Amino acid sequence: MIHTATTSDLPEPLIPADVSFPSYLWTPLDINAVTEGELSFLSGDGFKAAIMLMMKSWQEKPAASLPDDDRRLAAFCGFGRGPAALALWEAVKVEALSDFTLCSDGRRYSRTLAPQALEAWESRRQQIERTRKAREARNGNRQTTETTSASVAEIVTASVTEPATASVTASIRDQTTSDHTTLDHTASDQIAVVAGKGGVGGRPSQPVPRRKAGSITKPIVISQGTISPGTANRWAGQFNNLPDIEAAIREAAQSPMPENEWMGTIKARVSEQNDKASEAMVGADCPF
């Protein structure tokens, strides 16, 4: 038989409707209630059915409650289903439900387990709150750490990069200055070699004019044809500061040797011509 009617004279539910422990596989059972309370006076079958119902009620919603349904209660006790199950249930029903009170929501609540259910629910709520606060604190610390790390990284980067940049800039500036100085000395040395130590009457001889690479704008005519300004200037870069770049380019164009060989040969030949010209110039200007 199913009892579904509710009346105003029934007590309010002993447990709030949202209290449940579906994943809990244990039940906090009061030892004194079992060994010294009403349960201790039950018969063997009645005691067994009562314990079975108490265990089952712990995982219902609300916790520590059962539906007021004889068929389901018979199944909870392990009697099975059908007329035979209901007959077995009727034989132990009074004893099995001796710890349960029918309330206004139509469910039966265990008077023994209700206090434990409320205590467990409050403990669970507090644990959830502690976990939430710990998570928030952890996230806050992580954000603070990330912010601090970013600030430290900026400071360290600035402290390392700025001196390094200044050092590299100074090094490049010094190197550039050194390179210019070296080029200036090299140019001066070349002019001195070509011009000689002095001229007639102590006046220095005029240096042989140089043509820098990249200044060739017209094709260079040779016996086999012409050399374009682009090719001429590429080669001229190898003969920079020589007295006659165009003459060197003509020799390069007519040479049967590989480029890396005739480059060195022509440089050596032009350098030799420069030395002879310098010696002749010095000998002509010198009164001795």
C-alpha atoms as a PDB file:
ATOM      1  CA  MET A   1       0.000   0.000   0.000  1.00  0.00           C
ATOM      2  CA  ILE A   2       1.270   3.493  -0.894  1.00  0.00           C
ATOM      3  CA  HIS A   3       0.797   6.374   1.553  1.00  0.00           C
ATOM      4  CA  THR A   4       0.848   9.683  -0.309  1.00  0.00           C
ATOM      5  CA  ALA A   5      -1.461  11.906   1.699  1.00  0.00           C
ATOM      6  CA  THR A   6       0.018  14.713   3.776  1.00  0.00           C
ATOM      7  CA  THR A   7      -1.757  16.507   6.601  1.00  0.00           C
ATOM      8  CA  SER A   8      -1.133  19.724   8.439  1.00  0.00           C
ATOM      9  CA  ASP A   9      -0.759  17.945  11.762  1.00  0.00           C
ATOM     10  CA  LEU A  10       2.385  16.105  10.657  1.00  0.00           C
ATOM     11  CA  PRO A  11       5.772  17.538  11.772  1.00  0.00           C
ATOM     12  CA  GLU A  12       8.026  19.494   9.470  1.00  0.00           C
ATOM     13  CA  PRO A  13      10.818  17.550   7.761  1.00  0.00           C
ATOM     14  CA  LEU A  14      13.777  16.917  10.064  1.00  0.00           C
ATOM     15  CA  ILE A  15      16.283  17.619   7.269  1.00  0.00           C
ATOM     16  CA  PRO A  16      16.344  20.461   4.672  1.00  0.00           C
ATOM     17  CA  ALA A  17      15.444  19.341   1.172  1.00  0.00           C
ATOM     18  CA  ASP A  18      18.897  20.090  -0.306  1.00  0.00           C
ATOM     19  CA  VAL A  19      20.871  17.939   2.157  1.00  0.00           C
ATOM     20  CA  SER A  20      22.155  14.782   0.481  1.00  0.00           C
ATOM     21  CA  PHE A  21      25.231  12.560   0.429  1.00  0.00           C
ATOM     22  CA  PRO A  22      24.846  10.369  -2.669  1.00  0.00           C
ATOM     23  CA  SER A  23      28.582   9.685  -2.905  1.00  0.00           C
ATOM     24  CA  TYR A  24      29.088   8.854   0.795  1.00  0.00           C
ATOM     25  CA  LEU A  25      29.692   5.147   1.335  1.00  0.00           C
ATOM     26  CA  TRP A  26      29.584   5.296   5.139  1.00  0.00           C
ATOM     27  CA  THR A  27      27.013   6.178   7.786  1.00  0.00           C
ATOM     28  CA  PRO A  28      27.750   7.717  11.211  1.00  0.00           C
ATOM     29  CA  LEU A  29      25.693   5.379  13.352  1.00  0.00           C
ATOM     30  CA  ASP A  30      25.191   6.071  17.076  1.00  0.00           C
ATOM     31  CA  ILE A  31      26.362   2.958  18.934  1.00  0.00           C
ATOM     32  CA  ASN A  32      24.283   3.667  22.030  1.00  0.00           C
ATOM     33  CA  ALA A  33      21.141   4.125  19.905  1.00  0.00           C
ATOM     34  CA  VAL A  34      21.686   0.692  18.393  1.00  0.00           C
ATOM     35  CA  THR A  35      22.750  -1.210  21.494  1.00  0.00           C
ATOM     36  CA  GLU A  36      20.700   0.552  24.184  1.00  0.00           C
ATOM     37  CA  GLY A  37      17.855   2.322  22.389  1.00  0.00           C
ATOM     38  CA  GLU A  38      14.633   1.021  20.866  1.00  0.00           C
ATOM     39  CA  LEU A  39      16.527  -0.827  18.148  1.00  0.00           C
ATOM     40  CA  SER A  40      18.066  -3.149  20.702  1.00  0.00           C
ATOM     41  CA  PHE A  41      14.581  -4.554  21.586  1.00  0.00           C
ATOM     42  CA  LEU A  42      13.662  -5.495  18.013  1.00  0.00           C
ATOM     43  CA  SER A  43      13.407  -9.077  16.779  1.00  0.00           C
ATOM     44  CA  GLY A  44      16.017 -10.494  14.482  1.00  0.00           C
ATOM     45  CA  ASP A  45      14.158  -9.842  11.214  1.00  0.00           C
ATOM     46  CA  GLY A  46      12.828  -6.498  12.425  1.00  0.00           C
ATOM     47  CA  PHE A  47      16.314  -5.379  13.569  1.00  0.00           C
ATOM     48  CA  LYS A  48      17.842  -6.410  10.258  1.00  0.00           C
ATOM     49  CA  ALA A  49      15.162  -4.566   8.257  1.00  0.00           C
ATOM     50  CA  ALA A  50      15.554  -1.440  10.433  1.00  0.00           C
ATOM     51  CA  ILE A  51      19.335  -1.311   9.899  1.00  0.00           C
ATOM     52  CA  MET A  52      18.899  -1.895   6.150  1.00  0.00           C
ATOM     53  CA  LEU A  53      16.466   1.021   5.936  1.00  0.00           C
ATOM     54  CA  MET A  54      18.725   3.325   7.973  1.00  0.00           C
ATOM     55  CA  MET A  55      21.693   2.591   5.701  1.00  0.00           C
ATOM     56  CA  LYS A  56      19.589   3.153   2.598  1.00  0.00           C
ATOM     57  CA  SER A  57      18.116   6.409   3.915  1.00  0.00           C
ATOM     58  CA  TRP A  58      21.586   7.983   4.232  1.00  0.00           C
ATOM     59  CA  GLN A  59      21.986   8.193   0.443  1.00  0.00           C
ATOM     60  CA  GLU A  60      18.437   9.410  -0.250  1.00  0.00           C
ATOM     61  CA  LYS A  61      17.487  13.051  -0.778  1.00  0.00           C
ATOM     62  CA  PRO A  62      16.947  14.533   1.719  1.00  0.00           C
ATOM     63  CA  ALA A  63      19.479  12.442   3.621  1.00  0.00           C
ATOM     64  CA  ALA A  64      18.225  10.189   6.479  1.00  0.00           C
ATOM     65  CA  SER A  65      14.770   9.946   4.874  1.00  0.00           C
ATOM     66  CA  LEU A  66      12.731   7.302   3.029  1.00  0.00           C
ATOM     67  CA  PRO A  67       9.702   7.411   0.720  1.00  0.00           C
ATOM     68  CA  ASP A  68       6.408   6.346   2.291  1.00  0.00           C
ATOM     69  CA  ASP A  69       5.987   3.549  -0.267  1.00  0.00           C
ATOM     70  CA  ASP A  70       5.604  -0.062   0.935  1.00  0.00           C
ATOM     71  CA  ARG A  71       6.788  -1.530  -2.356  1.00  0.00           C
ATOM     72  CA  ARG A  72      10.029   0.444  -2.398  1.00  0.00           C
ATOM     73  CA  LEU A  73      10.611  -0.130   1.320  1.00  0.00           C
ATOM     74  CA  ALA A  74      10.197  -3.877   0.821  1.00  0.00           C
ATOM     75  CA  ALA A  75      12.799  -3.722  -1.955  1.00  0.00           C
ATOM     76  CA  PHE A  76      15.143  -1.661   0.268  1.00  0.00           C
ATOM     77  CA  CYS A  77      14.986  -4.416   2.898  1.00  0.00           C
ATOM     78  CA  GLY A  78      15.988  -7.030   0.342  1.00  0.00           C
ATOM     79  CA  PHE A  79      12.613  -8.737   0.060  1.00  0.00           C
ATOM     80  CA  GLY A  80      12.395  -8.235  -3.674  1.00  0.00           C
ATOM     81  CA  ARG A  81       9.262  -7.305  -5.627  1.00  0.00           C
ATOM     82  CA  GLY A  82       5.793  -8.743  -5.989  1.00  0.00           C
ATOM     83  CA  PRO A  83       3.078 -10.013  -3.606  1.00  0.00           C
ATOM     84  CA  ALA A  84       5.490 -12.253  -1.708  1.00  0.00           C
ATOM     85  CA  ALA A  85       7.813  -9.325  -1.019  1.00  0.00           C
ATOM     86  CA  LEU A  86       4.931  -7.229   0.327  1.00  0.00           C
ATOM     87  CA  ALA A  87       3.876 -10.074   2.617  1.00  0.00           C
ATOM     88  CA  LEU A  88       7.365 -10.308   4.104  1.00  0.00           C
ATOM     89  CA  TRP A  89       7.459  -6.548   4.460  1.00  0.00           C
ATOM     90  CA  GLU A  90       4.154  -6.394   6.306  1.00  0.00           C
ATOM     91  CA  ALA A  91       5.505  -8.905   8.837  1.00  0.00           C
ATOM     92  CA  VAL A  92       8.383  -6.570   9.911  1.00  0.00           C
ATOM     93  CA  LYS A  93       7.038  -3.154   8.920  1.00  0.00           C
ATOM     94  CA  VAL A  94       6.246  -1.852  12.402  1.00  0.00           C
ATOM     95  CA  GLU A  95       9.648  -2.790  13.813  1.00  0.00           C
ATOM     96  CA  ALA A  96      11.559  -1.733  10.700  1.00  0.00           C
ATOM     97  CA  LEU A  97      10.017   1.755  10.764  1.00  0.00           C
ATOM     98  CA  SER A  98      10.237   2.212  14.553  1.00  0.00           C
ATOM     99  CA  ASP A  99      13.087   4.790  14.140  1.00  0.00           C
ATOM    100  CA  PHE A 100      11.363   6.712  11.331  1.00  0.00           C
ATOM    101  CA  THR A 101       8.838   9.550  11.629  1.00  0.00           C
ATOM    102  CA  LEU A 102       6.393  10.468   8.847  1.00  0.00           C
ATOM    103  CA  CYS A 103       6.618  14.213   8.133  1.00  0.00           C
ATOM    104  CA  SER A 104       4.555  16.769   6.221  1.00  0.00           C
ATOM    105  CA  ASP A 105       6.467  16.296   2.945  1.00  0.00           C
ATOM    106  CA  GLY A 106       5.291  12.657   2.790  1.00  0.00           C
ATOM    107  CA  ARG A 107       8.669  11.139   3.656  1.00  0.00           C
ATOM    108  CA  ARG A 108       9.828   9.228   6.744  1.00  0.00           C
ATOM    109  CA  TYR A 109      12.876  10.559   8.608  1.00  0.00           C
ATOM    110  CA  SER A 110      15.246   8.631  10.878  1.00  0.00           C
ATOM    111  CA  ARG A 111      15.373  10.182  14.309  1.00  0.00           C
ATOM    112  CA  THR A 112      18.748   8.553  14.936  1.00  0.00           C
ATOM    113  CA  LEU A 113      20.430   9.669  11.708  1.00  0.00           C
ATOM    114  CA  ALA A 114      18.867  13.143  11.347  1.00  0.00           C
ATOM    115  CA  PRO A 115      21.255  14.860  13.830  1.00  0.00           C
ATOM    116  CA  GLN A 116      24.278  13.161  12.211  1.00  0.00           C
ATOM    117  CA  ALA A 117      23.081  14.252   8.768  1.00  0.00           C
ATOM    118  CA  LEU A 118      22.785  17.891   9.863  1.00  0.00           C
ATOM    119  CA  GLU A 119      26.230  17.768  11.465  1.00  0.00           C
ATOM    120  CA  ALA A 120      27.805  16.172   8.392  1.00  0.00           C
ATOM    121  CA  TRP A 121      26.132  18.742   6.114  1.00  0.00           C
ATOM    122  CA  GLU A 122      27.459  21.653   8.177  1.00  0.00           C
ATOM    123  CA  SER A 123      30.939  20.138   8.209  1.00  0.00           C
ATOM    124  CA  ARG A 124      30.776  19.740   4.453  1.00  0.00           C
ATOM    125  CA  ARG A 125      29.618  23.337   4.014  1.00  0.00           C
ATOM    126  CA  GLN A 126      32.515  24.609   6.128  1.00  0.00           C
ATOM    127  CA  GLN A 127      34.966  22.496   4.152  1.00  0.00           C
ATOM    128  CA  ILE A 128      33.634  23.904   0.890  1.00  0.00           C
ATOM    129  CA  GLU A 129      33.998  27.437   2.269  1.00  0.00           C
ATOM    130  CA  ARG A 130      37.563  26.778   3.438  1.00  0.00           C
ATOM    131  CA  THR A 131      38.421  25.357   0.033  1.00  0.00           C
ATOM    132  CA  ARG A 132      36.939  28.401  -1.705  1.00  0.00           C
ATOM    133  CA  LYS A 133      38.894  30.830   0.467  1.00  0.00           C
ATOM    134  CA  ALA A 134      42.098  28.863  -0.008  1.00  0.00           C
ATOM    135  CA  ARG A 135      41.590  28.882  -3.769  1.00  0.00           C
ATOM    136  CA  GLU A 136      40.969  32.621  -3.799  1.00  0.00           C
ATOM    137  CA  ALA A 137      44.040  33.210  -1.642  1.00  0.00           C
ATOM    138  CA  ARG A 138      46.130  30.979  -3.896  1.00  0.00           C
ATOM    139  CA  ASN A 139      44.917  32.790  -7.013  1.00  0.00           C
ATOM    140  CA  GLY A 140      45.594  36.127  -5.349  1.00  0.00           C
ATOM    141  CA  ASN A 141      49.106  35.058  -4.398  1.00  0.00           C
ATOM    142  CA  ARG A 142      49.701  33.772  -7.913  1.00  0.00           C
ATOM    143  CA  GLN A 143      48.597  37.084  -9.410  1.00  0.00           C
ATOM    144  CA  THR A 144      50.766  38.983  -6.937  1.00  0.00           C
ATOM    145  CA  THR A 145      53.714  36.732  -7.732  1.00  0.00           C
ATOM    146  CA  GLU A 146      53.194  37.161 -11.472  1.00  0.00           C
ATOM    147  CA  THR A 147      52.973  40.933 -11.078  1.00  0.00           C
ATOM    148  CA  THR A 148      56.077  40.989  -8.884  1.00  0.00           C
ATOM    149  CA  SER A 149      57.932  38.721 -11.296  1.00  0.00           C
ATOM    150  CA  ALA A 150      56.997  40.959 -14.197  1.00  0.00           C
ATOM    151  CA  SER A 151      58.202  44.040 -12.297  1.00  0.00           C
ATOM    152  CA  VAL A 152      61.437  42.337 -11.314  1.00  0.00           C
ATOM    153  CA  ALA A 153      61.924  41.147 -14.885  1.00  0.00           C
ATOM    154  CA  GLU A 154      61.468  44.697 -16.169  1.00  0.00           C
ATOM    155  CA  ILE A 155      63.937  46.064 -13.617  1.00  0.00           C
ATOM    156  CA  VAL A 156      66.494  43.343 -14.298  1.00  0.00           C
ATOM    157  CA  THR A 157      66.072  43.682 -18.051  1.00  0.00           C
ATOM    158  CA  ALA A 158      66.525  47.429 -17.845  1.00  0.00           C
ATOM    159  CA  SER A 159      69.533  47.139 -15.533  1.00  0.00           C
ATOM    160  CA  VAL A 160      71.170  44.601 -17.836  1.00  0.00           C
ATOM    161  CA  THR A 161      70.068  45.878 -21.244  1.00  0.00           C
ATOM    162  CA  GLU A 162      70.816  49.559 -20.751  1.00  0.00           C
ATOM    163  CA  PRO A 163      74.472  49.108 -19.685  1.00  0.00           C
ATOM    164  CA  ALA A 164      74.914  46.410 -22.333  1.00  0.00           C
ATOM    165  CA  THR A 165      73.404  48.640 -25.010  1.00  0.00           C
ATOM    166  CA  ALA A 166      75.566  51.545 -23.902  1.00  0.00           C
ATOM    167  CA  SER A 167      78.628  49.295 -23.902  1.00  0.00           C
ATOM    168  CA  VAL A 168      77.892  47.919 -27.366  1.00  0.00           C
ATOM    169  CA  THR A 169      77.160  51.403 -28.703  1.00  0.00           C
ATOM    170  CA  ALA A 170      80.421  52.696 -27.255  1.00  0.00           C
ATOM    171  CA  SER A 171      82.280  49.703 -28.663  1.00  0.00           C
ATOM    172  CA  ILE A 172      80.799  50.266 -32.126  1.00  0.00           C
ATOM    173  CA  ARG A 173      81.602  53.973 -31.915  1.00  0.00           C
ATOM    174  CA  ASP A 174      85.185  53.260 -30.855  1.00  0.00           C
ATOM    175  CA  GLN A 175      85.556  50.631 -33.582  1.00  0.00           C
ATOM    176  CA  THR A 176      84.155  53.012 -36.191  1.00  0.00           C
ATOM    177  CA  THR A 177      86.524  55.730 -35.045  1.00  0.00           C
ATOM    178  CA  SER A 178      89.393  53.260 -35.116  1.00  0.00           C
ATOM    179  CA  ASP A 179      88.442  52.097 -38.608  1.00  0.00           C
ATOM    180  CA  HIS A 180      88.272  55.676 -39.877  1.00  0.00           C
ATOM    181  CA  THR A 181      91.636  56.420 -38.288  1.00  0.00           C
ATOM    182  CA  THR A 182      93.161  53.306 -39.862  1.00  0.00           C
ATOM    183  CA  LEU A 183      91.745  54.213 -43.260  1.00  0.00           C
ATOM    184  CA  ASP A 184      93.050  57.741 -42.907  1.00  0.00           C
ATOM    185  CA  HIS A 185      96.533  56.451 -42.030  1.00  0.00           C
ATOM    186  CA  THR A 186      96.420  53.932 -44.871  1.00  0.00           C
ATOM    187  CA  ALA A 187      95.418  56.591 -47.355  1.00  0.00           C
ATOM    188  CA  SER A 188      98.134  58.903 -46.039  1.00  0.00           C
ATOM    189  CA  ASP A 189     100.714  56.134 -46.291  1.00  0.00           C
ATOM    190  CA  GLN A 190      99.735  55.377 -49.876  1.00  0.00           C
ATOM    191  CA  ILE A 191      99.917  59.028 -50.843  1.00  0.00           C
ATOM    192  CA  ALA A 192     103.325  59.307 -49.189  1.00  0.00           C
ATOM    193  CA  VAL A 193     104.629  56.280 -51.062  1.00  0.00           C
ATOM    194  CA  VAL A 194     103.457  57.547 -54.427  1.00  0.00           C
ATOM    195  CA  ALA A 195     104.395  61.176 -53.875  1.00  0.00           C
ATOM    196  CA  GLY A 196     107.783  60.565 -52.297  1.00  0.00           C
ATOM    197  CA  LYS A 197     109.371  62.328 -49.381  1.00  0.00           C
ATOM    198  CA  GLY A 198     109.670  65.665 -51.068  1.00  0.00           C
ATOM    199  CA  GLY A 199     109.886  67.551 -54.311  1.00  0.00           C
ATOM    200  CA  VAL A 200     112.093  70.158 -55.863  1.00  0.00           C
ATOM    201  CA  GLY A 201     112.662  73.019 -53.512  1.00  0.00           C
ATOM    202  CA  GLY A 202     111.174  71.061 -50.623  1.00  0.00           C
ATOM    203  CA  ARG A 203     107.711  71.106 -52.111  1.00  0.00           C
ATOM    204  CA  PRO A 204     105.884  67.781 -51.940  1.00  0.00           C
ATOM    205  CA  SER A 205     105.060  66.139 -55.239  1.00  0.00           C
ATOM    206  CA  GLN A 206     101.391  65.801 -56.185  1.00  0.00           C
ATOM    207  CA  PRO A 207      99.940  62.346 -55.419  1.00  0.00           C
ATOM    208  CA  VAL A 208      98.666  60.249 -58.278  1.00  0.00           C
ATOM    209  CA  PRO A 209      94.867  60.712 -58.377  1.00  0.00           C
ATOM    210  CA  ARG A 210      92.697  57.742 -57.331  1.00  0.00           C
ATOM    211  CA  ARG A 211      89.259  56.783 -58.569  1.00  0.00           C
ATOM    212  CA  LYS A 212      87.020  55.171 -55.984  1.00  0.00           C
ATOM    213  CA  ALA A 213      84.918  52.111 -56.665  1.00  0.00           C
ATOM    214  CA  GLY A 214      81.356  52.862 -57.722  1.00  0.00           C
ATOM    215  CA  SER A 215      82.290  55.981 -59.698  1.00  0.00           C
ATOM    216  CA  ILE A 216      82.315  54.289 -63.100  1.00  0.00           C
ATOM    217  CA  THR A 217      79.248  55.426 -65.002  1.00  0.00           C
ATOM    218  CA  LYS A 218      80.091  54.547 -68.603  1.00  0.00           C
ATOM    219  CA  PRO A 219      80.911  51.199 -70.254  1.00  0.00           C
ATOM    220  CA  ILE A 220      84.626  50.393 -70.528  1.00  0.00           C
ATOM    221  CA  VAL A 221      85.682  49.529 -74.087  1.00  0.00           C
ATOM    222  CA  ILE A 222      87.995  46.538 -74.622  1.00  0.00           C
ATOM    223  CA  SER A 223      89.048  44.603 -77.707  1.00  0.00           C
ATOM    224  CA  GLN A 224      86.386  41.955 -77.161  1.00  0.00           C
ATOM    225  CA  GLY A 225      83.567  44.476 -76.653  1.00  0.00           C
ATOM    226  CA  THR A 226      82.470  46.569 -73.640  1.00  0.00           C
ATOM    227  CA  ILE A 227      82.183  46.064 -69.849  1.00  0.00           C
ATOM    228  CA  SER A 228      78.992  47.384 -68.271  1.00  0.00           C
ATOM    229  CA  PRO A 229      79.275  49.964 -65.456  1.00  0.00           C
ATOM    230  CA  GLY A 230      77.702  47.461 -62.998  1.00  0.00           C
ATOM    231  CA  THR A 231      80.309  44.783 -63.676  1.00  0.00           C
ATOM    232  CA  ALA A 232      83.064  47.381 -63.782  1.00  0.00           C
ATOM    233  CA  ASN A 233      82.111  48.788 -60.401  1.00  0.00           C
ATOM    234  CA  ARG A 234      81.901  45.270 -58.893  1.00  0.00           C
ATOM    235  CA  TRP A 235      85.442  44.631 -60.015  1.00  0.00           C
ATOM    236  CA  ALA A 236      86.524  48.145 -59.110  1.00  0.00           C
ATOM    237  CA  GLY A 237      85.664  47.366 -55.495  1.00  0.00           C
ATOM    238  CA  GLN A 238      88.590  44.925 -55.538  1.00  0.00           C
ATOM    239  CA  PHE A 239      90.995  47.543 -56.906  1.00  0.00           C
ATOM    240  CA  ASN A 240      89.929  50.513 -54.781  1.00  0.00           C
ATOM    241  CA  ASN A 241      92.561  53.252 -54.350  1.00  0.00           C
ATOM    242  CA  LEU A 242      94.662  51.980 -57.286  1.00  0.00           C
ATOM    243  CA  PRO A 243      95.997  54.659 -59.667  1.00  0.00           C
ATOM    244  CA  ASP A 244      94.133  53.383 -62.739  1.00  0.00           C
ATOM    245  CA  ILE A 245      91.104  51.207 -61.938  1.00  0.00           C
ATOM    246  CA  GLU A 246      89.912  51.113 -65.522  1.00  0.00           C
ATOM    247  CA  ALA A 247      93.236  49.696 -66.677  1.00  0.00           C
ATOM    248  CA  ALA A 248      92.986  46.977 -64.059  1.00  0.00           C
ATOM    249  CA  ILE A 249      89.445  46.165 -65.161  1.00  0.00           C
ATOM    250  CA  ARG A 250      90.581  45.872 -68.775  1.00  0.00           C
ATOM    251  CA  GLU A 251      93.249  43.408 -67.766  1.00  0.00           C
ATOM    252  CA  ALA A 252      90.728  41.468 -65.692  1.00  0.00           C
ATOM    253  CA  ALA A 253      88.295  41.200 -68.600  1.00  0.00           C
ATOM    254  CA  GLN A 254      91.007  39.889 -70.936  1.00  0.00           C
ATOM    255  CA  SER A 255      92.558  37.449 -68.422  1.00  0.00           C
ATOM    256  CA  PRO A 256      91.969  33.704 -69.033  1.00  0.00           C
ATOM    257  CA  MET A 257      92.510  32.877 -65.330  1.00  0.00           C
ATOM    258  CA  PRO A 258      89.705  32.315 -62.733  1.00  0.00           C
ATOM    259  CA  GLU A 259      88.486  35.446 -61.027  1.00  0.00           C
ATOM    260  CA  ASN A 260      90.138  34.684 -57.657  1.00  0.00           C
ATOM    261  CA  GLU A 261      93.513  34.259 -59.409  1.00  0.00           C
ATOM    262  CA  TRP A 262      93.491  37.255 -61.729  1.00  0.00           C
ATOM    263  CA  MET A 263      92.320  39.484 -58.882  1.00  0.00           C
ATOM    264  CA  GLY A 264      95.525  38.822 -56.960  1.00  0.00           C
ATOM    265  CA  THR A 265      97.680  38.960 -60.069  1.00  0.00           C
ATOM    266  CA  ILE A 266      96.323  42.306 -61.183  1.00  0.00           C
ATOM    267  CA  LYS A 267      96.590  43.770 -57.693  1.00  0.00           C
ATOM    268  CA  ALA A 268     100.215  42.703 -57.484  1.00  0.00           C
ATOM    269  CA  ARG A 269     100.931  44.084 -60.972  1.00  0.00           C
ATOM    270  CA  VAL A 270      99.280  47.437 -60.272  1.00  0.00           C
ATOM    271  CA  SER A 271     101.052  47.652 -56.922  1.00  0.00           C
ATOM    272  CA  GLU A 272     104.362  46.969 -58.650  1.00  0.00           C
ATOM    273  CA  GLN A 273     103.640  49.713 -61.178  1.00  0.00           C
ATOM    274  CA  ASN A 274     102.798  52.079 -58.332  1.00  0.00           C
ATOM    275  CA  ASP A 275     106.120  51.354 -56.643  1.00  0.00           C
ATOM    276  CA  LYS A 276     108.049  51.966 -59.871  1.00  0.00           C
ATOM    277  CA  ALA A 277     106.173  55.181 -60.463  1.00  0.00           C
ATOM    278  CA  SER A 278     106.901  56.340 -56.943  1.00  0.00           C
ATOM    279  CA  GLU A 279     110.605  55.556 -57.250  1.00  0.00           C
ATOM    280  CA  ALA A 280     110.809  57.392 -60.550  1.00  0.00           C
ATOM    281  CA  MET A 281     108.970  60.366 -59.110  1.00  0.00           C
ATOM    282  CA  VAL A 282     111.230  60.494 -56.066  1.00  0.00           C
ATOM    283  CA  GLY A 283     114.352  60.178 -58.210  1.00  0.00           C
ATOM    284  CA  ALA A 284     113.247  62.997 -60.457  1.00  0.00           C
ATOM    285  CA  ASP A 285     112.475  65.348 -57.594  1.00  0.00           C
ATOM    286  CA  CYS A 286     115.540  64.577 -55.493  1.00  0.00           C
ATOM    287  CA  PRO A 287     118.647  66.794 -56.160  1.00  0.00           C
ATOM    288  CA  PHE A 288     121.081  64.041 -55.116  1.00  0.00           C
END
